[in-house]
Amino acid sequence: MAAQKPSVPKGTRDFSPVEMVKRNFIFDTIKEVFKRYGYLPIETPAMENLSTLLGKYGEEGDKLLFKILNSGDYLSKVKSSLSEVESNKLALEISEKGLRYDLTVPFARFVVQHRNDITFPFKRYQIQPVWRADRPQKGRYREFYQCDVDVIGSNSLFNEVELIQIIDQIFRKLTVNAIIKLNNRKILLGIAEVIGEPDKFIDITIAIDKLDKIGREKVNEELLSKGINEDAIGKLDPIFELSGSNNDKLTSLKSILKESETGLKGIEEVETILGYFETLEIKTELELDLTLARGLNYYTGAIIEVKAKDVQIGSICGGGRYDDLTGVFGLNDISGVGVSFGADRIYDVMEQLNIFPKEIVASTKVLFVNFGKKEEAYCLPLLQQLRNYGISAEIFPESAKMKKQMTYANNKNIPYVILVGESEVSEGILTVKNMDLGEQSKMKFEELLNKIQNEI
């Protein structure tokens, strides 16, 4: 029997130690900022009941749910001939669970299920993988991590302001040059009203959300196919082409949406959020973008999306206000707002720009060369002392050829190699090789310790 060729499912990946160190740098940076703003961690299961997931992401989202076959004889409960059943309906007959599509819907379920145990407003962060049966392509995976931060149980727009501050801090710490785009679903609903198509609001937002991907012409074709007339589509163009500063756009919008109470409320919310940043300093550009729609149906107010300025890739962070996501689970009138950081795309951006700090990849600071059992015994207490001081250190596990041990140090980007032979043992000193400079010097153990501590 031929050996099986090892592979992973399309749209998933293995991560090497170097990649994991870089990914953890992103996760740790994000977590540190979340915690600074008073958010606490939770986790939810990888799988949820399909009843929890279905109907929350729109028709297109439902199609992208990975469904899990029921255990046992799952076909015995199918009521009709397989050939007569639509594949989507069949899936519901043979599977009751699915892999989570995002972290927001499981979070809403969590809040309702544990409402008697949590304090509102409830501020949580969650960093876990999600799964989507999407067509894999550059920057789009079937398994990827989301880093969500949400506050639920408060209507205050101050929460949106705080999330924008968090976004600004995280991308500055990661040295990613980004732009934060802001819009409001109420403004979009107001636009749907003034062009005479309020009933087609969801169709309009789903189509507009694809502007970046498929362009204006294809979006217009999709709108036509949804029964929106050409006159109404023609009225959209000048609205989405509004230019100038954020204030200029808002002034124009007030005139365009003067007949829409909902639209004017959306403008007022955006003005309130932007008003905070007249006194709060953020370095990241903040732009009102009327073409920003975000396709998920549960958003009701502010919507936020972040793009990297220096790399062509989809959004690297996004989210918004949802007024009644918990309502579907029986807890009404609980408003929330949150954003999700796409760790995989952030990784791709940082890798492409080569902006990961070089020192994070070198997990081991010091390698002791192994010259034999006597020298090994001398090095072990020194190795333990370094580790006790929080310095990552190792010794090569056997007295292999010098070339092999030095290659090991090079491949792992270890900055210091310690050589302790017979003469060093008798003199009580170390020969320290700086791998970056290629220089060797002799020093006492205390000198080495001070040198490395000063660098950390």
Protein backbone atom coordinates (compact mmCIF):
# COMPACT_ATOMS: atom_id res chain seq x y z
CA MET A 1 0.00 0.00 0.00
CA ALA A 2 1.41 3.38 -1.06
CA ALA A 3 2.20 5.86 1.69
CA GLN A 4 -0.47 8.51 2.14
CA LYS A 5 0.57 12.01 1.10
CA PRO A 6 0.16 14.29 4.14
CA SER A 7 -2.07 17.34 3.59
CA VAL A 8 -4.42 19.74 5.38
CA PRO A 9 -7.92 20.78 4.18
CA LYS A 10 -7.99 23.71 1.75
CA GLY A 11 -8.21 27.05 3.51
CA THR A 12 -6.42 25.79 6.64
CA ARG A 13 -2.73 25.97 7.57
CA ASP A 14 -0.05 24.62 9.85
CA PHE A 15 2.01 27.21 11.74
CA SER A 16 5.74 26.76 12.32
CA PRO A 17 7.42 27.87 15.58
CA VAL A 18 8.61 31.10 13.89
CA GLU A 19 5.08 31.83 12.65
CA MET A 20 3.60 31.05 16.06
CA VAL A 21 5.99 33.43 17.81
CA LYS A 22 4.90 36.19 15.43
CA ARG A 23 1.20 35.31 15.81
CA ASN A 24 1.52 35.32 19.59
CA PHE A 25 3.13 38.76 19.37
CA ILE A 26 -0.08 39.98 17.67
CA PHE A 27 -2.36 38.20 20.17
CA ASP A 28 -0.36 39.48 23.16
CA THR A 29 -0.37 43.06 21.87
CA ILE A 30 -4.13 42.95 21.29
CA LYS A 31 -4.82 41.34 24.69
CA GLU A 32 -2.67 43.88 26.53
CA VAL A 33 -4.70 46.79 25.09
CA PHE A 34 -8.05 45.04 25.71
CA LYS A 35 -7.12 44.49 29.36
CA ARG A 36 -6.01 48.11 29.76
CA TYR A 37 -9.58 49.20 28.93
CA GLY A 38 -11.17 46.86 31.48
CA TYR A 39 -12.26 43.98 29.22
CA LEU A 40 -12.24 40.41 30.59
CA PRO A 41 -11.75 37.14 28.64
CA ILE A 42 -14.36 34.46 27.91
CA GLU A 43 -14.36 31.36 25.69
CA THR A 44 -17.23 29.53 23.98
CA PRO A 45 -17.29 26.06 22.34
CA ALA A 46 -15.98 25.55 18.78
CA MET A 47 -19.38 24.11 17.87
CA GLU A 48 -22.80 25.59 18.55
CA ASN A 49 -26.31 24.28 17.97
CA LEU A 50 -27.34 25.13 14.39
CA SER A 51 -30.46 26.76 15.85
CA THR A 52 -28.09 29.28 17.50
CA LEU A 53 -26.24 30.06 14.27
CA LEU A 54 -28.80 29.90 11.46
CA GLY A 55 -30.61 33.07 10.40
CA LYS A 56 -28.15 35.44 12.12
CA TYR A 57 -25.80 36.13 9.19
CA GLY A 58 -28.21 36.48 6.27
CA GLU A 59 -28.80 33.99 3.49
CA GLU A 60 -25.20 34.10 2.24
CA GLY A 61 -23.77 33.61 5.73
CA ASP A 62 -26.01 30.59 6.35
CA LYS A 63 -24.56 28.92 3.25
CA LEU A 64 -21.04 29.32 4.64
CA LEU A 65 -21.73 27.51 7.92
CA PHE A 66 -19.78 24.28 8.38
CA LYS A 67 -22.32 21.71 9.59
CA ILE A 68 -21.39 18.69 11.73
CA LEU A 69 -23.00 15.32 10.98
CA ASN A 70 -25.02 13.85 13.83
CA SER A 71 -23.32 10.88 15.45
CA GLY A 72 -24.73 7.38 15.00
CA ASP A 73 -27.07 6.39 12.18
CA TYR A 74 -27.84 9.95 11.05
CA LEU A 75 -29.61 8.83 7.84
CA SER A 76 -32.27 6.84 9.68
CA LYS A 77 -34.13 10.06 10.57
CA VAL A 78 -34.26 11.41 7.00
CA LYS A 79 -37.92 11.45 6.10
CA SER A 80 -37.76 11.22 2.30
CA SER A 81 -35.71 9.88 -0.58
CA LEU A 82 -32.27 11.53 -0.71
CA SER A 83 -32.68 12.34 -4.39
CA GLU A 84 -35.78 14.44 -3.61
CA VAL A 85 -34.21 16.51 -0.84
CA GLU A 86 -32.55 19.88 -1.39
CA SER A 87 -28.97 19.70 -0.07
CA ASN A 88 -29.53 22.54 2.42
CA LYS A 89 -32.67 20.92 3.82
CA LEU A 90 -30.95 17.53 3.99
CA ALA A 91 -28.08 19.11 5.96
CA LEU A 92 -30.56 20.26 8.60
CA GLU A 93 -32.02 16.76 8.87
CA ILE A 94 -28.65 15.09 9.45
CA SER A 95 -26.84 17.75 11.49
CA GLU A 96 -27.88 19.64 14.61
CA LYS A 97 -24.56 21.38 15.27
CA GLY A 98 -22.20 23.60 13.32
CA LEU A 99 -18.77 25.21 13.72
CA ARG A 100 -19.08 28.81 14.83
CA TYR A 101 -19.03 31.39 11.99
CA ASP A 102 -17.98 34.30 14.21
CA LEU A 103 -17.67 35.11 17.91
CA THR A 104 -20.50 37.67 18.13
CA VAL A 105 -23.53 35.35 17.90
CA PRO A 106 -22.03 32.85 20.41
CA PHE A 107 -21.33 35.87 22.64
CA ALA A 108 -25.00 36.94 22.45
CA ARG A 109 -26.03 33.39 23.34
CA PHE A 110 -23.52 33.42 26.24
CA VAL A 111 -24.90 36.72 27.59
CA VAL A 112 -28.49 35.46 27.60
CA GLN A 113 -27.58 32.07 29.06
CA HIS A 114 -25.47 33.61 31.85
CA ARG A 115 -27.38 36.86 32.33
CA ASN A 116 -27.86 36.25 36.07
CA ASP A 117 -24.12 35.76 36.62
CA ILE A 118 -22.68 38.77 34.78
CA THR A 119 -22.61 42.51 35.53
CA PHE A 120 -23.92 44.96 32.92
CA PRO A 121 -22.48 46.73 31.05
CA PHE A 122 -20.52 43.55 30.32
CA LYS A 123 -17.11 44.11 28.73
CA ARG A 124 -15.53 40.99 27.28
CA TYR A 125 -12.83 39.97 24.86
CA GLN A 126 -12.53 36.62 23.11
CA ILE A 127 -9.67 35.27 20.98
CA GLN A 128 -10.58 31.99 19.28
CA PRO A 129 -10.76 30.39 15.82
CA VAL A 130 -13.88 30.56 13.60
CA TRP A 131 -14.77 28.60 10.47
CA ARG A 132 -16.39 29.57 7.17
CA ALA A 133 -17.00 27.36 4.14
CA ASP A 134 -15.72 30.12 1.86
CA ARG A 135 -13.68 29.77 -1.30
CA PRO A 136 -10.05 29.99 -0.12
CA GLN A 137 -7.98 32.80 -1.67
CA LYS A 138 -5.25 35.25 -0.66
CA GLY A 139 -6.15 36.72 2.72
CA ARG A 140 -9.29 34.56 3.03
CA TYR A 141 -9.19 31.30 4.97
CA ARG A 142 -11.70 28.66 6.06
CA GLU A 143 -10.23 28.53 9.55
CA PHE A 144 -8.99 31.75 11.06
CA TYR A 145 -8.74 33.52 14.39
CA GLN A 146 -10.86 36.46 15.47
CA CYS A 147 -9.99 38.75 18.33
CA ASP A 148 -13.29 40.25 19.47
CA VAL A 149 -13.90 43.00 21.99
CA ASP A 150 -17.49 43.94 22.90
CA VAL A 151 -19.45 45.85 25.49
CA ILE A 152 -23.09 44.87 25.91
CA GLY A 153 -25.81 46.44 28.06
CA SER A 154 -25.10 50.11 27.29
CA ASN A 155 -26.49 52.50 24.64
CA SER A 156 -23.80 55.11 25.21
CA LEU A 157 -21.85 56.22 22.13
CA PHE A 158 -18.86 56.58 24.43
CA ASN A 159 -18.40 52.83 23.88
CA GLU A 160 -17.87 53.41 20.14
CA VAL A 161 -15.33 56.10 20.99
CA GLU A 162 -13.47 53.72 23.32
CA LEU A 163 -13.38 51.01 20.62
CA ILE A 164 -11.88 53.50 18.13
CA GLN A 165 -9.24 54.37 20.75
CA ILE A 166 -8.50 50.64 21.19
CA ILE A 167 -8.14 50.21 17.40
CA ASP A 168 -5.81 53.20 17.23
CA GLN A 169 -3.60 51.93 20.08
CA ILE A 170 -3.36 48.36 18.77
CA PHE A 171 -2.34 49.31 15.23
CA ARG A 172 0.13 51.89 16.51
CA LYS A 173 1.72 49.25 18.78
CA LEU A 174 1.90 46.86 15.82
CA THR A 175 3.27 49.72 13.64
CA VAL A 176 0.60 49.06 10.99
CA ASN A 177 -0.33 52.21 9.05
CA ALA A 178 -4.14 51.97 9.00
CA ILE A 179 -7.28 53.95 8.24
CA ILE A 180 -10.44 53.63 10.36
CA LYS A 181 -13.62 53.94 8.30
CA LEU A 182 -16.84 54.88 10.06
CA ASN A 183 -20.47 54.84 8.92
CA ASN A 184 -23.91 54.25 10.44
CA ARG A 185 -26.61 51.79 9.40
CA LYS A 186 -29.24 54.44 10.17
CA ILE A 187 -27.66 56.66 7.51
CA LEU A 188 -27.85 53.76 5.04
CA LEU A 189 -31.48 53.14 5.98
CA GLY A 190 -32.13 56.87 5.47
CA ILE A 191 -30.55 56.62 2.00
CA ALA A 192 -32.79 53.63 1.19
CA GLU A 193 -35.79 55.72 2.29
CA VAL A 194 -34.95 58.82 0.23
CA ILE A 195 -34.35 56.79 -2.95
CA GLY A 196 -37.75 55.19 -2.40
CA GLU A 197 -36.59 51.64 -1.56
CA PRO A 198 -36.83 51.22 2.25
CA ASP A 199 -38.08 47.63 1.91
CA LYS A 200 -34.92 46.70 0.00
CA PHE A 201 -32.58 47.97 2.71
CA ILE A 202 -30.95 44.58 3.39
CA ASP A 203 -30.45 43.90 -0.35
CA ILE A 204 -28.92 47.37 -0.77
CA THR A 205 -26.45 46.94 2.14
CA ILE A 206 -25.40 43.44 1.04
CA ALA A 207 -24.69 44.76 -2.47
CA ILE A 208 -22.92 47.95 -1.31
CA ASP A 209 -20.72 45.84 0.98
CA LYS A 210 -19.22 44.27 -2.17
CA LEU A 211 -18.20 47.60 -3.78
CA ASP A 212 -14.51 47.07 -2.99
CA LYS A 213 -14.55 43.51 -4.30
CA ILE A 214 -16.63 43.70 -7.48
CA GLY A 215 -16.86 47.42 -8.39
CA ARG A 216 -19.75 49.84 -8.98
CA GLU A 217 -20.99 48.27 -12.22
CA LYS A 218 -21.43 44.76 -10.76
CA VAL A 219 -23.05 46.20 -7.62
CA ASN A 220 -25.57 48.05 -9.81
CA GLU A 221 -26.29 44.79 -11.68
CA GLU A 222 -26.92 43.03 -8.36
CA LEU A 223 -29.24 45.84 -7.22
CA LEU A 224 -31.21 45.55 -10.48
CA SER A 225 -31.48 41.79 -10.03
CA LYS A 226 -33.01 42.39 -6.57
CA GLY A 227 -35.79 44.47 -8.13
CA ILE A 228 -34.44 47.94 -7.36
CA ASN A 229 -35.30 50.29 -10.24
CA GLU A 230 -32.73 52.22 -12.29
CA ASP A 231 -33.90 55.64 -11.04
CA ALA A 232 -33.27 54.60 -7.44
CA ILE A 233 -29.83 53.17 -8.34
CA GLY A 234 -28.99 56.41 -10.17
CA LYS A 235 -29.74 58.39 -6.99
CA LEU A 236 -27.15 56.34 -5.07
CA ASP A 237 -24.17 57.40 -7.18
CA PRO A 238 -23.93 61.09 -6.09
CA ILE A 239 -24.40 60.08 -2.43
CA PHE A 240 -21.54 57.59 -2.50
CA GLU A 241 -19.32 60.03 -4.38
CA LEU A 242 -19.55 62.76 -1.72
CA SER A 243 -16.04 64.02 -0.96
CA GLY A 244 -14.23 66.47 1.29
CA SER A 245 -13.72 66.36 5.05
CA ASN A 246 -15.93 64.36 7.41
CA ASN A 247 -17.79 67.59 8.26
CA ASP A 248 -18.30 68.41 4.55
CA LYS A 249 -19.86 64.98 3.98
CA LEU A 250 -22.12 65.33 7.02
CA THR A 251 -23.29 68.77 5.88
CA SER A 252 -24.19 67.42 2.42
CA LEU A 253 -25.91 64.40 3.98
CA LYS A 254 -28.10 66.58 6.21
CA SER A 255 -29.53 68.14 3.08
CA ILE A 256 -29.93 64.82 1.22
CA LEU A 257 -31.56 63.04 4.19
CA LYS A 258 -33.64 65.95 5.52
CA GLU A 259 -36.86 63.97 4.95
CA SER A 260 -35.59 60.87 6.80
CA GLU A 261 -35.83 60.95 10.59
CA THR A 262 -33.79 57.71 10.80
CA GLY A 263 -31.08 59.09 8.51
CA LEU A 264 -30.78 62.30 10.56
CA LYS A 265 -30.49 60.24 13.75
CA GLY A 266 -27.58 58.34 12.15
CA ILE A 267 -25.88 61.64 11.23
CA GLU A 268 -26.30 62.86 14.81
CA GLU A 269 -24.68 59.68 16.17
CA VAL A 270 -21.69 60.04 13.81
CA GLU A 271 -21.31 63.71 14.80
CA THR A 272 -21.33 62.76 18.49
CA ILE A 273 -18.62 60.12 17.98
CA LEU A 274 -16.43 62.43 15.87
CA GLY A 275 -16.97 65.23 18.41
CA TYR A 276 -15.12 63.25 21.09
CA PHE A 277 -12.02 63.19 18.90
CA GLU A 278 -11.76 66.97 18.92
CA THR A 279 -10.34 66.58 22.45
CA LEU A 280 -9.01 62.99 22.35
CA GLU A 281 -5.82 62.42 20.40
CA ILE A 282 -5.68 59.50 18.00
CA LYS A 283 -2.97 59.11 15.38
CA THR A 284 -4.88 56.79 13.00
CA GLU A 285 -6.86 58.50 10.24
CA LEU A 286 -10.63 58.40 10.88
CA GLU A 287 -12.82 58.76 7.79
CA LEU A 288 -16.59 58.84 7.28
CA ASP A 289 -17.14 56.39 4.40
CA LEU A 290 -20.72 56.24 3.11
CA THR A 291 -19.99 53.13 1.01
CA LEU A 292 -19.19 51.18 4.19
CA ALA A 293 -22.15 48.85 4.74
CA ARG A 294 -20.90 45.63 6.41
CA GLY A 295 -23.08 42.82 5.12
CA LEU A 296 -24.20 41.27 8.42
CA ASN A 297 -27.86 41.89 9.19
CA TYR A 298 -27.54 42.42 12.94
CA TYR A 299 -25.87 45.87 12.82
CA THR A 300 -28.19 48.77 13.70
CA GLY A 301 -25.99 51.83 14.36
CA ALA A 302 -22.33 52.73 13.99
CA ILE A 303 -20.28 50.48 11.72
CA ILE A 304 -16.49 50.44 11.72
CA GLU A 305 -13.94 48.93 9.36
CA VAL A 306 -10.15 49.20 9.32
CA LYS A 307 -7.92 48.85 6.28
CA ALA A 308 -4.14 48.70 6.00
CA LYS A 309 -2.85 51.62 3.94
CA ASP A 310 0.31 49.95 2.63
CA VAL A 311 -0.99 46.49 1.61
CA GLN A 312 -3.83 45.50 -0.71
CA ILE A 313 -5.88 43.14 1.45
CA GLY A 314 -9.46 43.12 2.81
CA SER A 315 -10.44 44.72 6.10
CA ILE A 316 -8.17 43.89 9.06
CA CYS A 317 -10.71 44.87 11.71
CA GLY A 318 -14.42 45.60 11.68
CA GLY A 319 -17.62 45.70 13.69
CA GLY A 320 -20.41 47.92 14.88
CA ARG A 321 -23.47 48.52 17.06
CA TYR A 322 -26.18 45.86 17.35
CA ASP A 323 -29.31 46.87 19.28
CA ASP A 324 -31.08 43.57 19.76
CA LEU A 325 -28.87 40.61 18.92
CA THR A 326 -29.77 39.00 22.25
CA GLY A 327 -33.49 39.36 21.41
CA VAL A 328 -33.43 36.20 19.28
CA PHE A 329 -32.41 34.31 22.43
CA GLY A 330 -35.21 35.84 24.52
CA LEU A 331 -33.48 38.85 26.11
CA ASN A 332 -34.79 42.03 24.47
CA ASP A 333 -33.55 45.62 24.39
CA ILE A 334 -29.93 44.88 25.27
CA SER A 335 -27.71 46.98 23.04
CA GLY A 336 -24.11 46.10 22.34
CA VAL A 337 -21.19 47.26 20.24
CA GLY A 338 -17.96 45.53 19.35
CA VAL A 339 -15.16 45.07 16.85
CA SER A 340 -13.22 42.05 15.66
CA PHE A 341 -9.51 42.07 14.77
CA GLY A 342 -8.57 39.65 11.96
CA ALA A 343 -5.32 38.24 13.32
CA ASP A 344 -4.53 36.26 10.16
CA ARG A 345 -4.83 39.28 7.88
CA ILE A 346 -2.89 41.45 10.34
CA TYR A 347 -0.17 38.78 10.25
CA ASP A 348 -0.14 38.81 6.43
CA VAL A 349 0.14 42.63 6.41
CA MET A 350 3.01 42.66 8.92
CA GLU A 351 4.82 39.83 7.13
CA GLN A 352 4.50 41.53 3.75
CA LEU A 353 5.83 44.81 5.18
CA ASN A 354 8.51 42.98 7.23
CA ILE A 355 7.63 44.94 10.39
CA PHE A 356 7.71 42.22 13.05
CA PRO A 357 10.33 43.16 15.69
CA LYS A 358 13.41 41.02 14.98
CA GLU A 359 13.99 40.15 18.63
CA ILE A 360 10.63 38.36 19.03
CA VAL A 361 11.66 35.54 16.69
CA ALA A 362 14.74 34.64 18.76
CA SER A 363 12.98 32.84 21.60
CA THR A 364 16.26 31.46 23.03
CA LYS A 365 18.77 34.10 24.16
CA VAL A 366 21.68 31.84 25.13
CA LEU A 367 22.96 28.47 23.88
CA PHE A 368 25.68 26.57 25.74
CA VAL A 369 27.80 24.45 23.41
CA ASN A 370 28.10 20.88 24.67
CA PHE A 371 31.77 19.72 24.84
CA GLY A 372 31.14 16.55 26.88
CA LYS A 373 29.86 15.22 30.20
CA LYS A 374 32.32 17.12 32.46
CA GLU A 375 31.63 20.48 30.78
CA GLU A 376 27.90 19.72 30.63
CA ALA A 377 27.84 19.20 34.42
CA TYR A 378 29.62 22.57 34.88
CA CYS A 379 27.12 24.39 32.59
CA LEU A 380 23.88 22.99 34.03
CA PRO A 381 23.81 25.16 37.23
CA LEU A 382 24.66 28.26 35.13
CA LEU A 383 21.85 27.38 32.74
CA GLN A 384 19.43 27.07 35.66
CA GLN A 385 20.50 30.45 37.05
CA LEU A 386 19.86 32.17 33.70
CA ARG A 387 16.39 30.63 33.54
CA ASN A 388 15.68 31.67 37.15
CA TYR A 389 16.40 35.27 36.06
CA GLY A 390 13.85 34.95 33.25
CA ILE A 391 16.41 34.49 30.46
CA SER A 392 15.56 31.75 27.94
CA ALA A 393 18.58 29.48 27.65
CA GLU A 394 19.39 25.94 26.52
CA ILE A 395 22.31 23.58 26.13
CA PHE A 396 22.83 21.41 23.07
CA PRO A 397 21.71 17.96 24.26
CA GLU A 398 24.81 16.06 23.06
CA SER A 399 28.49 16.73 22.33
CA ALA A 400 28.01 16.87 18.55
CA LYS A 401 30.43 18.45 16.09
CA MET A 402 30.93 22.20 16.61
CA LYS A 403 29.57 22.97 13.12
CA LYS A 404 26.28 21.20 13.89
CA GLN A 405 25.84 23.09 17.16
CA MET A 406 26.64 26.49 15.60
CA THR A 407 24.25 25.78 12.71
CA TYR A 408 21.56 25.03 15.29
CA ALA A 409 22.21 28.43 16.96
CA ASN A 410 22.13 30.21 13.59
CA ASN A 411 18.91 28.57 12.47
CA LYS A 412 17.20 29.54 15.73
CA ASN A 413 18.58 33.13 15.64
CA ILE A 414 20.15 32.65 19.08
CA PRO A 415 22.17 35.83 19.79
CA TYR A 416 24.69 34.42 22.31
CA VAL A 417 26.60 31.13 22.19
CA ILE A 418 28.60 30.16 25.29
CA LEU A 419 31.70 27.98 24.88
CA VAL A 420 32.88 26.25 28.06
CA GLY A 421 35.81 23.86 27.47
CA GLU A 422 38.43 22.48 29.85
CA SER A 423 40.33 25.77 30.18
CA GLU A 424 37.13 27.78 30.88
CA VAL A 425 36.09 25.26 33.57
CA SER A 426 39.51 25.46 35.31
CA GLU A 427 39.59 29.31 35.10
CA GLY A 428 35.89 29.77 36.07
CA ILE A 429 35.13 31.95 33.05
CA LEU A 430 33.00 31.76 29.89
CA THR A 431 33.83 32.38 26.25
CA VAL A 432 30.85 34.30 24.87
CA LYS A 433 30.26 34.57 21.12
CA ASN A 434 28.01 37.39 19.92
CA MET A 435 26.40 35.76 16.87
CA ASP A 436 25.24 39.06 15.34
CA LEU A 437 28.71 40.62 15.41
CA GLY A 438 30.72 37.41 15.07
CA GLU A 439 32.91 38.52 18.02
CA GLN A 440 34.14 36.43 20.97
CA SER A 441 35.06 37.65 24.44
CA LYS A 442 35.85 36.12 27.83
CA MET A 443 33.79 37.12 30.87
CA LYS A 444 32.60 35.96 34.26
CA PHE A 445 29.08 34.54 34.55
CA GLU A 446 27.90 37.67 36.46
CA GLU A 447 29.06 39.88 33.57
CA LEU A 448 27.07 37.78 31.08
CA LEU A 449 24.02 37.97 33.32
CA ASN A 450 24.23 41.79 33.60
CA LYS A 451 24.84 42.17 29.88
CA ILE A 452 21.73 40.18 28.90
CA GLN A 453 19.53 41.69 31.62
CA ASN A 454 20.39 45.18 30.35
CA GLU A 455 19.27 44.14 26.86
CA ILE A 456 15.91 42.70 27.90
